[in-house]
Amino acid sequence: MAQVPAHKIKKQPRAFTVGVLVVACIYFIVPVWWLFVAATKTNSGLFFGAHGSLWFDKKFALWDNIVALTNYQGGIYWRWILNSFFYAFVGGFLATAVAVFAGYGFAKYRFRGKNLFFNIVLGALMIPSTALVIPTFLLMSKFELTDTIWAVLLPSMLNPMGVYLMRIYCHESLPDEMIEAARVDGANEMYTFFKVSLPIMRPAVTTVFLLSVVAAWNNYFLPQVVLTSQKLFPITVGLTNWQVKSQAGAASEQVWNLVTSGAFLSIVPMILAFLFLQRYWIGGLTAGSVKA
């Protein structure tokens, strides 16, 4: 049997890897490209465009759609955007704070019931968030918190995945020797946490914050159930209501162009947040390393 040259054997895995990466890039980029193209079209261009759904129509109507968003229903779209900012970033900050303190405590402190409580956190990861919406609604109704911002903020503060990630990161990347050295030098627990531990935890904190913000920004089912006032809707619920209205309404009431352009504008803050915060993932990897 003829043997395959060694240089060809080495290139095959690399070509396969590149091919998989190209397919993955296309898979993720095409929906974003479609959304951007759709945001530049009119209602007629979306359904009867001459160049298909993946290319621009003759009329570039992005700016016209943005102006229409500002005027439609008194500009409530921008109110929904501000609501989403509030729910996502305030809720994400609170969820990150809870996850950081809980994960640090599970990793660096000994207390009775530690393993039991952590197993409960792990068990919470197995429960789909949608399965908790109805119980959450009943709980909020009991305390008369439905149709308020608290009905969305309070549930978003609990992030079992964030607690798990912080616990693993603190256990693996935060040396006990550094904490003990700070304590020997007379530092109290708060000073040790904020001045010694937290700088090293920065990549994990940033990761948990981004995951929490994105989850809160994309949250749909819970706000849909617990909110009834349009002024409190996040962007996900508001655009869905416009979509339903377009599907059920007459031709004069269809606002598909506003739905697509509004959806495109709603992803821009998440892209900017990722680009701005990604540098912090690397910044704390070597901070405060222990000398040999």
C-alpha atoms as a PDB file:
ATOM      1  CA  MET A   1       0.000   0.000   0.000  1.00  0.00           C
ATOM      2  CA  ALA A   2       1.215   3.461  -0.852  1.00  0.00           C
ATOM      3  CA  GLN A   3       1.910   5.650   2.143  1.00  0.00           C
ATOM      4  CA  VAL A   4       0.461   9.144   2.440  1.00  0.00           C
ATOM      5  CA  PRO A   5       3.170  11.821   2.604  1.00  0.00           C
ATOM      6  CA  ALA A   6       3.725  13.256   6.047  1.00  0.00           C
ATOM      7  CA  HIS A   7       3.126  16.870   4.949  1.00  0.00           C
ATOM      8  CA  LYS A   8      -0.359  15.930   3.686  1.00  0.00           C
ATOM      9  CA  ILE A   9      -1.239  14.211   6.950  1.00  0.00           C
ATOM     10  CA  LYS A  10      -0.378  17.342   8.904  1.00  0.00           C
ATOM     11  CA  LYS A  11      -2.475  19.603   6.671  1.00  0.00           C
ATOM     12  CA  GLN A  12      -5.660  17.568   6.852  1.00  0.00           C
ATOM     13  CA  PRO A  13      -6.559  18.364  10.501  1.00  0.00           C
ATOM     14  CA  ARG A  14      -5.791  22.042   9.944  1.00  0.00           C
ATOM     15  CA  ALA A  15      -7.990  22.181   6.837  1.00  0.00           C
ATOM     16  CA  PHE A  16     -10.800  20.450   8.705  1.00  0.00           C
ATOM     17  CA  THR A  17     -10.525  22.928  11.591  1.00  0.00           C
ATOM     18  CA  VAL A  18     -10.547  25.907   9.240  1.00  0.00           C
ATOM     19  CA  GLY A  19     -13.546  24.486   7.416  1.00  0.00           C
ATOM     20  CA  VAL A  20     -15.493  24.046  10.654  1.00  0.00           C
ATOM     21  CA  LEU A  21     -14.633  27.592  11.720  1.00  0.00           C
ATOM     22  CA  VAL A  22     -15.757  28.994   8.365  1.00  0.00           C
ATOM     23  CA  VAL A  23     -19.073  27.148   8.590  1.00  0.00           C
ATOM     24  CA  ALA A  24     -19.560  28.368  12.173  1.00  0.00           C
ATOM     25  CA  CYS A  25     -18.808  31.972  11.159  1.00  0.00           C
ATOM     26  CA  ILE A  26     -21.316  31.792   8.320  1.00  0.00           C
ATOM     27  CA  TYR A  27     -23.896  30.255  10.654  1.00  0.00           C
ATOM     28  CA  PHE A  28     -23.594  33.138  13.123  1.00  0.00           C
ATOM     29  CA  ILE A  29     -23.018  36.008  10.689  1.00  0.00           C
ATOM     30  CA  VAL A  30     -25.829  35.325   8.192  1.00  0.00           C
ATOM     31  CA  PRO A  31     -28.719  36.042  10.657  1.00  0.00           C
ATOM     32  CA  VAL A  32     -27.053  39.302  11.731  1.00  0.00           C
ATOM     33  CA  TRP A  33     -26.485  40.264   8.103  1.00  0.00           C
ATOM     34  CA  TRP A  34     -30.111  39.464   7.265  1.00  0.00           C
ATOM     35  CA  LEU A  35     -31.305  41.612  10.177  1.00  0.00           C
ATOM     36  CA  PHE A  36     -29.145  44.534   9.085  1.00  0.00           C
ATOM     37  CA  VAL A  37     -30.362  44.276   5.474  1.00  0.00           C
ATOM     38  CA  ALA A  38     -33.989  43.941   6.604  1.00  0.00           C
ATOM     39  CA  ALA A  39     -33.641  47.034   8.795  1.00  0.00           C
ATOM     40  CA  THR A  40     -32.866  49.103   5.680  1.00  0.00           C
ATOM     41  CA  LYS A  41     -36.040  48.125   3.816  1.00  0.00           C
ATOM     42  CA  THR A  42     -39.580  49.387   3.658  1.00  0.00           C
ATOM     43  CA  ASN A  43     -42.587  47.157   4.249  1.00  0.00           C
ATOM     44  CA  SER A  44     -42.932  46.437   0.542  1.00  0.00           C
ATOM     45  CA  GLY A  45     -39.200  45.864   0.196  1.00  0.00           C
ATOM     46  CA  LEU A  46     -39.237  43.216   2.904  1.00  0.00           C
ATOM     47  CA  PHE A  47     -41.727  41.039   1.059  1.00  0.00           C
ATOM     48  CA  PHE A  48     -41.439  42.078  -2.589  1.00  0.00           C
ATOM     49  CA  GLY A  49     -37.826  43.223  -2.854  1.00  0.00           C
ATOM     50  CA  ALA A  50     -36.125  42.745  -6.203  1.00  0.00           C
ATOM     51  CA  HIS A  51     -32.798  41.503  -4.756  1.00  0.00           C
ATOM     52  CA  GLY A  52     -33.929  38.887  -2.249  1.00  0.00           C
ATOM     53  CA  SER A  53     -33.818  38.876   1.529  1.00  0.00           C
ATOM     54  CA  LEU A  54     -30.007  38.892   1.855  1.00  0.00           C
ATOM     55  CA  TRP A  55     -29.322  42.024  -0.181  1.00  0.00           C
ATOM     56  CA  PHE A  56     -30.399  45.645  -0.079  1.00  0.00           C
ATOM     57  CA  ASP A  57     -33.461  46.947  -1.857  1.00  0.00           C
ATOM     58  CA  LYS A  58     -33.417  49.864  -4.275  1.00  0.00           C
ATOM     59  CA  LYS A  59     -34.389  52.258  -1.482  1.00  0.00           C
ATOM     60  CA  PHE A  60     -32.122  52.421   1.572  1.00  0.00           C
ATOM     61  CA  ALA A  61     -34.713  53.230   4.247  1.00  0.00           C
ATOM     62  CA  LEU A  62     -32.785  52.728   7.486  1.00  0.00           C
ATOM     63  CA  TRP A  63     -32.926  56.383   8.485  1.00  0.00           C
ATOM     64  CA  ASP A  64     -36.588  56.620   7.527  1.00  0.00           C
ATOM     65  CA  ASN A  65     -37.319  53.588   9.706  1.00  0.00           C
ATOM     66  CA  ILE A  66     -35.488  55.145  12.654  1.00  0.00           C
ATOM     67  CA  VAL A  67     -37.515  58.339  12.261  1.00  0.00           C
ATOM     68  CA  ALA A  68     -40.693  56.261  12.091  1.00  0.00           C
ATOM     69  CA  LEU A  69     -39.637  54.436  15.271  1.00  0.00           C
ATOM     70  CA  THR A  70     -39.303  57.780  17.009  1.00  0.00           C
ATOM     71  CA  ASN A  71     -42.764  58.915  15.937  1.00  0.00           C
ATOM     72  CA  TYR A  72     -44.754  55.683  16.153  1.00  0.00           C
ATOM     73  CA  GLN A  73     -46.989  55.504  19.261  1.00  0.00           C
ATOM     74  CA  GLY A  74     -45.349  58.600  20.711  1.00  0.00           C
ATOM     75  CA  GLY A  75     -41.840  57.179  20.511  1.00  0.00           C
ATOM     76  CA  ILE A  76     -42.531  54.382  22.990  1.00  0.00           C
ATOM     77  CA  TYR A  77     -39.795  52.327  21.321  1.00  0.00           C
ATOM     78  CA  TRP A  78     -37.103  54.432  23.023  1.00  0.00           C
ATOM     79  CA  ARG A  79     -38.905  54.025  26.341  1.00  0.00           C
ATOM     80  CA  TRP A  80     -38.656  50.268  25.847  1.00  0.00           C
ATOM     81  CA  ILE A  81     -34.942  50.611  25.080  1.00  0.00           C
ATOM     82  CA  LEU A  82     -34.396  52.572  28.302  1.00  0.00           C
ATOM     83  CA  ASN A  83     -36.377  49.959  30.231  1.00  0.00           C
ATOM     84  CA  SER A  84     -34.193  47.206  28.789  1.00  0.00           C
ATOM     85  CA  PHE A  85     -31.067  49.169  29.758  1.00  0.00           C
ATOM     86  CA  PHE A  86     -32.360  49.473  33.290  1.00  0.00           C
ATOM     87  CA  TYR A  87     -33.430  45.837  33.631  1.00  0.00           C
ATOM     88  CA  ALA A  88     -30.256  44.511  32.016  1.00  0.00           C
ATOM     89  CA  PHE A  89     -27.536  46.621  33.608  1.00  0.00           C
ATOM     90  CA  VAL A  90     -29.044  47.121  37.065  1.00  0.00           C
ATOM     91  CA  GLY A  91     -30.215  43.514  37.182  1.00  0.00           C
ATOM     92  CA  GLY A  92     -26.885  42.331  35.760  1.00  0.00           C
ATOM     93  CA  PHE A  93     -24.935  44.316  38.353  1.00  0.00           C
ATOM     94  CA  LEU A  94     -27.020  42.942  41.221  1.00  0.00           C
ATOM     95  CA  ALA A  95     -26.828  39.380  39.874  1.00  0.00           C
ATOM     96  CA  THR A  96     -23.055  39.702  39.493  1.00  0.00           C
ATOM     97  CA  ALA A  97     -22.662  41.038  43.040  1.00  0.00           C
ATOM     98  CA  VAL A  98     -24.658  38.129  44.472  1.00  0.00           C
ATOM     99  CA  ALA A  99     -22.706  35.619  42.374  1.00  0.00           C
ATOM    100  CA  VAL A 100     -19.315  37.089  43.338  1.00  0.00           C
ATOM    101  CA  PHE A 101     -19.994  37.116  47.070  1.00  0.00           C
ATOM    102  CA  ALA A 102     -21.629  33.677  47.038  1.00  0.00           C
ATOM    103  CA  GLY A 103     -18.974  32.075  44.834  1.00  0.00           C
ATOM    104  CA  TYR A 104     -16.158  33.553  46.916  1.00  0.00           C
ATOM    105  CA  GLY A 105     -17.789  32.340  50.112  1.00  0.00           C
ATOM    106  CA  PHE A 106     -18.256  28.811  48.781  1.00  0.00           C
ATOM    107  CA  ALA A 107     -14.644  28.672  47.603  1.00  0.00           C
ATOM    108  CA  LYS A 108     -12.737  30.249  50.506  1.00  0.00           C
ATOM    109  CA  TYR A 109     -14.792  29.763  53.677  1.00  0.00           C
ATOM    110  CA  ARG A 110     -15.776  26.742  55.708  1.00  0.00           C
ATOM    111  CA  PHE A 111     -19.217  26.666  57.276  1.00  0.00           C
ATOM    112  CA  ARG A 112     -21.835  24.137  58.218  1.00  0.00           C
ATOM    113  CA  GLY A 113     -23.967  22.934  55.314  1.00  0.00           C
ATOM    114  CA  LYS A 114     -21.565  24.298  52.681  1.00  0.00           C
ATOM    115  CA  ASN A 115     -21.746  21.243  50.419  1.00  0.00           C
ATOM    116  CA  LEU A 116     -25.524  20.976  50.820  1.00  0.00           C
ATOM    117  CA  PHE A 117     -26.088  24.599  49.843  1.00  0.00           C
ATOM    118  CA  PHE A 118     -23.747  24.338  46.876  1.00  0.00           C
ATOM    119  CA  ASN A 119     -25.520  21.187  45.701  1.00  0.00           C
ATOM    120  CA  ILE A 120     -28.777  23.145  45.828  1.00  0.00           C
ATOM    121  CA  VAL A 121     -27.161  25.763  43.566  1.00  0.00           C
ATOM    122  CA  LEU A 122     -26.085  23.014  41.176  1.00  0.00           C
ATOM    123  CA  GLY A 123     -29.600  21.601  41.243  1.00  0.00           C
ATOM    124  CA  ALA A 124     -30.980  25.018  40.319  1.00  0.00           C
ATOM    125  CA  LEU A 125     -28.899  24.872  37.121  1.00  0.00           C
ATOM    126  CA  MET A 126     -30.970  21.888  35.994  1.00  0.00           C
ATOM    127  CA  ILE A 127     -34.272  23.785  36.184  1.00  0.00           C
ATOM    128  CA  PRO A 128     -35.231  25.714  33.016  1.00  0.00           C
ATOM    129  CA  SER A 129     -35.847  29.381  33.769  1.00  0.00           C
ATOM    130  CA  THR A 130     -39.146  29.266  31.883  1.00  0.00           C
ATOM    131  CA  ALA A 131     -40.432  26.632  34.317  1.00  0.00           C
ATOM    132  CA  LEU A 132     -40.111  29.160  37.145  1.00  0.00           C
ATOM    133  CA  VAL A 133     -42.069  31.954  35.469  1.00  0.00           C
ATOM    134  CA  ILE A 134     -45.529  30.924  36.700  1.00  0.00           C
ATOM    135  CA  PRO A 135     -44.375  30.300  40.316  1.00  0.00           C
ATOM    136  CA  THR A 136     -42.576  33.646  40.184  1.00  0.00           C
ATOM    137  CA  PHE A 137     -45.743  35.344  38.948  1.00  0.00           C
ATOM    138  CA  LEU A 138     -47.772  33.820  41.802  1.00  0.00           C
ATOM    139  CA  LEU A 139     -45.138  34.919  44.324  1.00  0.00           C
ATOM    140  CA  MET A 140     -45.063  38.456  42.949  1.00  0.00           C
ATOM    141  CA  SER A 141     -48.858  38.575  42.989  1.00  0.00           C
ATOM    142  CA  LYS A 142     -48.885  37.616  46.659  1.00  0.00           C
ATOM    143  CA  PHE A 143     -46.681  40.592  47.506  1.00  0.00           C
ATOM    144  CA  GLU A 144     -48.477  42.892  45.027  1.00  0.00           C
ATOM    145  CA  LEU A 145     -45.368  43.423  42.936  1.00  0.00           C
ATOM    146  CA  THR A 146     -46.783  42.509  39.541  1.00  0.00           C
ATOM    147  CA  ASP A 147     -46.660  45.219  36.897  1.00  0.00           C
ATOM    148  CA  THR A 148     -43.732  46.872  38.674  1.00  0.00           C
ATOM    149  CA  ILE A 149     -40.018  46.993  37.898  1.00  0.00           C
ATOM    150  CA  TRP A 150     -39.358  44.763  40.925  1.00  0.00           C
ATOM    151  CA  ALA A 151     -41.201  41.881  39.285  1.00  0.00           C
ATOM    152  CA  VAL A 152     -38.446  41.830  36.653  1.00  0.00           C
ATOM    153  CA  LEU A 153     -35.437  42.931  38.728  1.00  0.00           C
ATOM    154  CA  LEU A 154     -35.759  40.644  41.743  1.00  0.00           C
ATOM    155  CA  PRO A 155     -35.809  37.332  39.817  1.00  0.00           C
ATOM    156  CA  SER A 156     -32.893  38.481  37.647  1.00  0.00           C
ATOM    157  CA  MET A 157     -30.696  38.846  40.743  1.00  0.00           C
ATOM    158  CA  LEU A 158     -30.476  35.058  41.093  1.00  0.00           C
ATOM    159  CA  ASN A 159     -27.931  33.543  38.723  1.00  0.00           C
ATOM    160  CA  PRO A 160     -26.949  29.977  39.735  1.00  0.00           C
ATOM    161  CA  MET A 161     -24.591  29.668  36.772  1.00  0.00           C
ATOM    162  CA  GLY A 162     -22.785  32.817  37.877  1.00  0.00           C
ATOM    163  CA  VAL A 163     -22.372  31.436  41.414  1.00  0.00           C
ATOM    164  CA  TYR A 164     -21.012  28.191  39.997  1.00  0.00           C
ATOM    165  CA  LEU A 165     -18.533  29.966  37.691  1.00  0.00           C
ATOM    166  CA  MET A 166     -17.293  32.262  40.451  1.00  0.00           C
ATOM    167  CA  ARG A 167     -16.853  29.361  42.871  1.00  0.00           C
ATOM    168  CA  ILE A 168     -14.807  27.377  40.321  1.00  0.00           C
ATOM    169  CA  TYR A 169     -12.700  30.405  39.372  1.00  0.00           C
ATOM    170  CA  CYS A 170     -11.966  31.383  42.972  1.00  0.00           C
ATOM    171  CA  HIS A 171     -11.084  27.814  43.865  1.00  0.00           C
ATOM    172  CA  GLU A 172      -8.691  27.346  40.941  1.00  0.00           C
ATOM    173  CA  SER A 173      -7.194  30.813  40.355  1.00  0.00           C
ATOM    174  CA  LEU A 174      -7.205  32.539  43.745  1.00  0.00           C
ATOM    175  CA  PRO A 175      -4.358  31.177  45.917  1.00  0.00           C
ATOM    176  CA  ASP A 176      -5.152  30.629  49.585  1.00  0.00           C
ATOM    177  CA  GLU A 177      -1.622  31.805  50.388  1.00  0.00           C
ATOM    178  CA  MET A 178      -2.443  35.342  49.255  1.00  0.00           C
ATOM    179  CA  ILE A 179      -5.493  35.536  51.486  1.00  0.00           C
ATOM    180  CA  GLU A 180      -3.618  34.107  54.457  1.00  0.00           C
ATOM    181  CA  ALA A 181      -0.739  36.545  53.890  1.00  0.00           C
ATOM    182  CA  ALA A 182      -3.161  39.478  53.890  1.00  0.00           C
ATOM    183  CA  ARG A 183      -4.724  38.246  57.113  1.00  0.00           C
ATOM    184  CA  VAL A 184      -1.317  37.822  58.751  1.00  0.00           C
ATOM    185  CA  ASP A 185      -0.509  41.420  57.783  1.00  0.00           C
ATOM    186  CA  GLY A 186      -3.588  42.530  59.722  1.00  0.00           C
ATOM    187  CA  ALA A 187      -6.054  43.083  56.869  1.00  0.00           C
ATOM    188  CA  ASN A 188      -9.706  42.481  57.727  1.00  0.00           C
ATOM    189  CA  GLU A 189     -11.982  40.354  55.567  1.00  0.00           C
ATOM    190  CA  MET A 190     -13.488  43.258  53.616  1.00  0.00           C
ATOM    191  CA  TYR A 191     -10.100  44.753  52.803  1.00  0.00           C
ATOM    192  CA  THR A 192      -8.779  41.325  51.789  1.00  0.00           C
ATOM    193  CA  PHE A 193     -11.726  40.747  49.470  1.00  0.00           C
ATOM    194  CA  PHE A 194     -11.751  44.137  47.732  1.00  0.00           C
ATOM    195  CA  LYS A 195      -7.999  44.825  47.575  1.00  0.00           C
ATOM    196  CA  VAL A 196      -6.491  41.349  47.221  1.00  0.00           C
ATOM    197  CA  SER A 197      -9.064  38.922  45.863  1.00  0.00           C
ATOM    198  CA  LEU A 198     -11.303  41.043  43.652  1.00  0.00           C
ATOM    199  CA  PRO A 199      -8.548  42.258  41.234  1.00  0.00           C
ATOM    200  CA  ILE A 200      -7.638  38.644  40.479  1.00  0.00           C
ATOM    201  CA  MET A 201     -11.312  37.751  40.042  1.00  0.00           C
ATOM    202  CA  ARG A 202     -11.836  40.493  37.445  1.00  0.00           C
ATOM    203  CA  PRO A 203     -11.945  38.216  34.337  1.00  0.00           C
ATOM    204  CA  ALA A 204     -14.550  35.966  35.970  1.00  0.00           C
ATOM    205  CA  VAL A 205     -16.514  38.957  37.273  1.00  0.00           C
ATOM    206  CA  THR A 206     -16.601  40.446  33.770  1.00  0.00           C
ATOM    207  CA  THR A 207     -17.737  37.137  32.298  1.00  0.00           C
ATOM    208  CA  VAL A 208     -20.541  36.724  34.822  1.00  0.00           C
ATOM    209  CA  PHE A 209     -21.593  40.348  34.343  1.00  0.00           C
ATOM    210  CA  LEU A 210     -21.812  39.974  30.568  1.00  0.00           C
ATOM    211  CA  LEU A 211     -23.752  36.716  30.834  1.00  0.00           C
ATOM    212  CA  SER A 212     -26.152  38.286  33.329  1.00  0.00           C
ATOM    213  CA  VAL A 213     -26.648  41.422  31.228  1.00  0.00           C
ATOM    214  CA  VAL A 214     -27.285  39.460  28.033  1.00  0.00           C
ATOM    215  CA  ALA A 215     -29.714  37.116  29.814  1.00  0.00           C
ATOM    216  CA  ALA A 216     -31.626  40.070  31.277  1.00  0.00           C
ATOM    217  CA  TRP A 217     -31.618  41.969  27.957  1.00  0.00           C
ATOM    218  CA  ASN A 218     -33.012  38.940  26.096  1.00  0.00           C
ATOM    219  CA  ASN A 219     -35.504  38.089  28.839  1.00  0.00           C
ATOM    220  CA  TYR A 220     -38.955  37.793  27.302  1.00  0.00           C
ATOM    221  CA  PHE A 221     -41.224  35.272  29.003  1.00  0.00           C
ATOM    222  CA  LEU A 222     -41.019  36.676  32.544  1.00  0.00           C
ATOM    223  CA  PRO A 223     -41.728  40.345  31.599  1.00  0.00           C
ATOM    224  CA  GLN A 224     -44.496  39.166  29.296  1.00  0.00           C
ATOM    225  CA  VAL A 225     -46.221  37.442  32.225  1.00  0.00           C
ATOM    226  CA  VAL A 226     -45.632  39.871  35.103  1.00  0.00           C
ATOM    227  CA  LEU A 227     -46.038  43.191  33.237  1.00  0.00           C
ATOM    228  CA  THR A 228     -49.205  44.661  31.758  1.00  0.00           C
ATOM    229  CA  SER A 229     -48.321  48.336  31.341  1.00  0.00           C
ATOM    230  CA  GLN A 230     -46.680  49.162  27.994  1.00  0.00           C
ATOM    231  CA  LYS A 231     -44.538  51.814  29.664  1.00  0.00           C
ATOM    232  CA  LEU A 232     -42.741  49.091  31.649  1.00  0.00           C
ATOM    233  CA  PHE A 233     -42.140  46.693  28.751  1.00  0.00           C
ATOM    234  CA  PRO A 234     -38.577  45.804  27.761  1.00  0.00           C
ATOM    235  CA  ILE A 235     -37.714  45.885  24.087  1.00  0.00           C
ATOM    236  CA  THR A 236     -38.301  42.139  23.638  1.00  0.00           C
ATOM    237  CA  VAL A 237     -41.925  42.290  24.763  1.00  0.00           C
ATOM    238  CA  GLY A 238     -42.637  45.555  22.951  1.00  0.00           C
ATOM    239  CA  LEU A 239     -41.361  44.373  19.566  1.00  0.00           C
ATOM    240  CA  THR A 240     -43.236  41.096  19.940  1.00  0.00           C
ATOM    241  CA  ASN A 241     -46.470  43.028  20.490  1.00  0.00           C
ATOM    242  CA  TRP A 242     -45.802  44.985  17.297  1.00  0.00           C
ATOM    243  CA  GLN A 243     -45.152  41.730  15.465  1.00  0.00           C
ATOM    244  CA  VAL A 244     -48.432  40.236  16.663  1.00  0.00           C
ATOM    245  CA  LYS A 245     -50.217  43.435  15.662  1.00  0.00           C
ATOM    246  CA  SER A 246     -48.716  43.248  12.178  1.00  0.00           C
ATOM    247  CA  GLN A 247     -49.741  39.627  11.769  1.00  0.00           C
ATOM    248  CA  ALA A 248     -53.335  40.197  12.864  1.00  0.00           C
ATOM    249  CA  GLY A 249     -53.944  43.737  11.604  1.00  0.00           C
ATOM    250  CA  ALA A 250     -54.853  45.240   8.269  1.00  0.00           C
ATOM    251  CA  ALA A 251     -52.264  46.322   5.717  1.00  0.00           C
ATOM    252  CA  SER A 252     -52.303  49.874   7.079  1.00  0.00           C
ATOM    253  CA  GLU A 253     -51.386  48.582  10.562  1.00  0.00           C
ATOM    254  CA  GLN A 254     -48.422  46.442   9.544  1.00  0.00           C
ATOM    255  CA  VAL A 255     -45.135  47.730  10.923  1.00  0.00           C
ATOM    256  CA  TRP A 256     -42.733  44.969   9.881  1.00  0.00           C
ATOM    257  CA  ASN A 257     -40.137  47.546   8.883  1.00  0.00           C
ATOM    258  CA  LEU A 258     -40.249  48.997  12.405  1.00  0.00           C
ATOM    259  CA  VAL A 259     -39.940  45.532  13.937  1.00  0.00           C
ATOM    260  CA  THR A 260     -36.826  44.673  11.915  1.00  0.00           C
ATOM    261  CA  SER A 261     -35.139  48.056  12.321  1.00  0.00           C
ATOM    262  CA  GLY A 262     -36.022  48.118  16.017  1.00  0.00           C
ATOM    263  CA  ALA A 263     -34.609  44.616  16.474  1.00  0.00           C
ATOM    264  CA  PHE A 264     -31.384  45.645  14.724  1.00  0.00           C
ATOM    265  CA  LEU A 265     -30.944  48.726  16.903  1.00  0.00           C
ATOM    266  CA  SER A 266     -31.611  46.635  20.020  1.00  0.00           C
ATOM    267  CA  ILE A 267     -28.554  44.410  19.438  1.00  0.00           C
ATOM    268  CA  VAL A 268     -26.147  47.342  19.089  1.00  0.00           C
ATOM    269  CA  PRO A 269     -25.825  47.968  22.885  1.00  0.00           C
ATOM    270  CA  MET A 270     -24.919  44.310  23.483  1.00  0.00           C
ATOM    271  CA  ILE A 271     -22.243  44.422  20.776  1.00  0.00           C
ATOM    272  CA  LEU A 272     -20.759  47.592  22.275  1.00  0.00           C
ATOM    273  CA  ALA A 273     -20.856  46.126  25.792  1.00  0.00           C
ATOM    274  CA  PHE A 274     -18.967  43.056  24.614  1.00  0.00           C
ATOM    275  CA  LEU A 275     -16.348  45.076  22.728  1.00  0.00           C
ATOM    276  CA  PHE A 276     -15.831  47.402  25.695  1.00  0.00           C
ATOM    277  CA  LEU A 277     -15.639  44.725  28.407  1.00  0.00           C
ATOM    278  CA  GLN A 278     -13.645  42.025  26.640  1.00  0.00           C
ATOM    279  CA  ARG A 279     -10.331  43.694  27.483  1.00  0.00           C
ATOM    280  CA  TYR A 280     -11.028  43.128  31.178  1.00  0.00           C
ATOM    281  CA  TRP A 281     -10.999  39.357  30.630  1.00  0.00           C
ATOM    282  CA  ILE A 282      -7.242  39.478  30.099  1.00  0.00           C
ATOM    283  CA  GLY A 283      -6.467  42.327  32.478  1.00  0.00           C
ATOM    284  CA  GLY A 284      -6.781  40.357  35.714  1.00  0.00           C
ATOM    285  CA  LEU A 285      -5.256  37.039  34.687  1.00  0.00           C
ATOM    286  CA  THR A 286      -1.819  37.791  36.120  1.00  0.00           C
ATOM    287  CA  ALA A 287      -2.752  40.486  38.655  1.00  0.00           C
ATOM    288  CA  GLY A 288      -1.382  39.765  42.121  1.00  0.00           C
ATOM    289  CA  SER A 289       0.459  36.576  41.185  1.00  0.00           C
ATOM    290  CA  VAL A 290       2.308  34.795  43.992  1.00  0.00           C
ATOM    291  CA  LYS A 291       6.087  35.007  43.978  1.00  0.00           C
ATOM    292  CA  ALA A 292       7.932  31.728  44.190  1.00  0.00           C
END
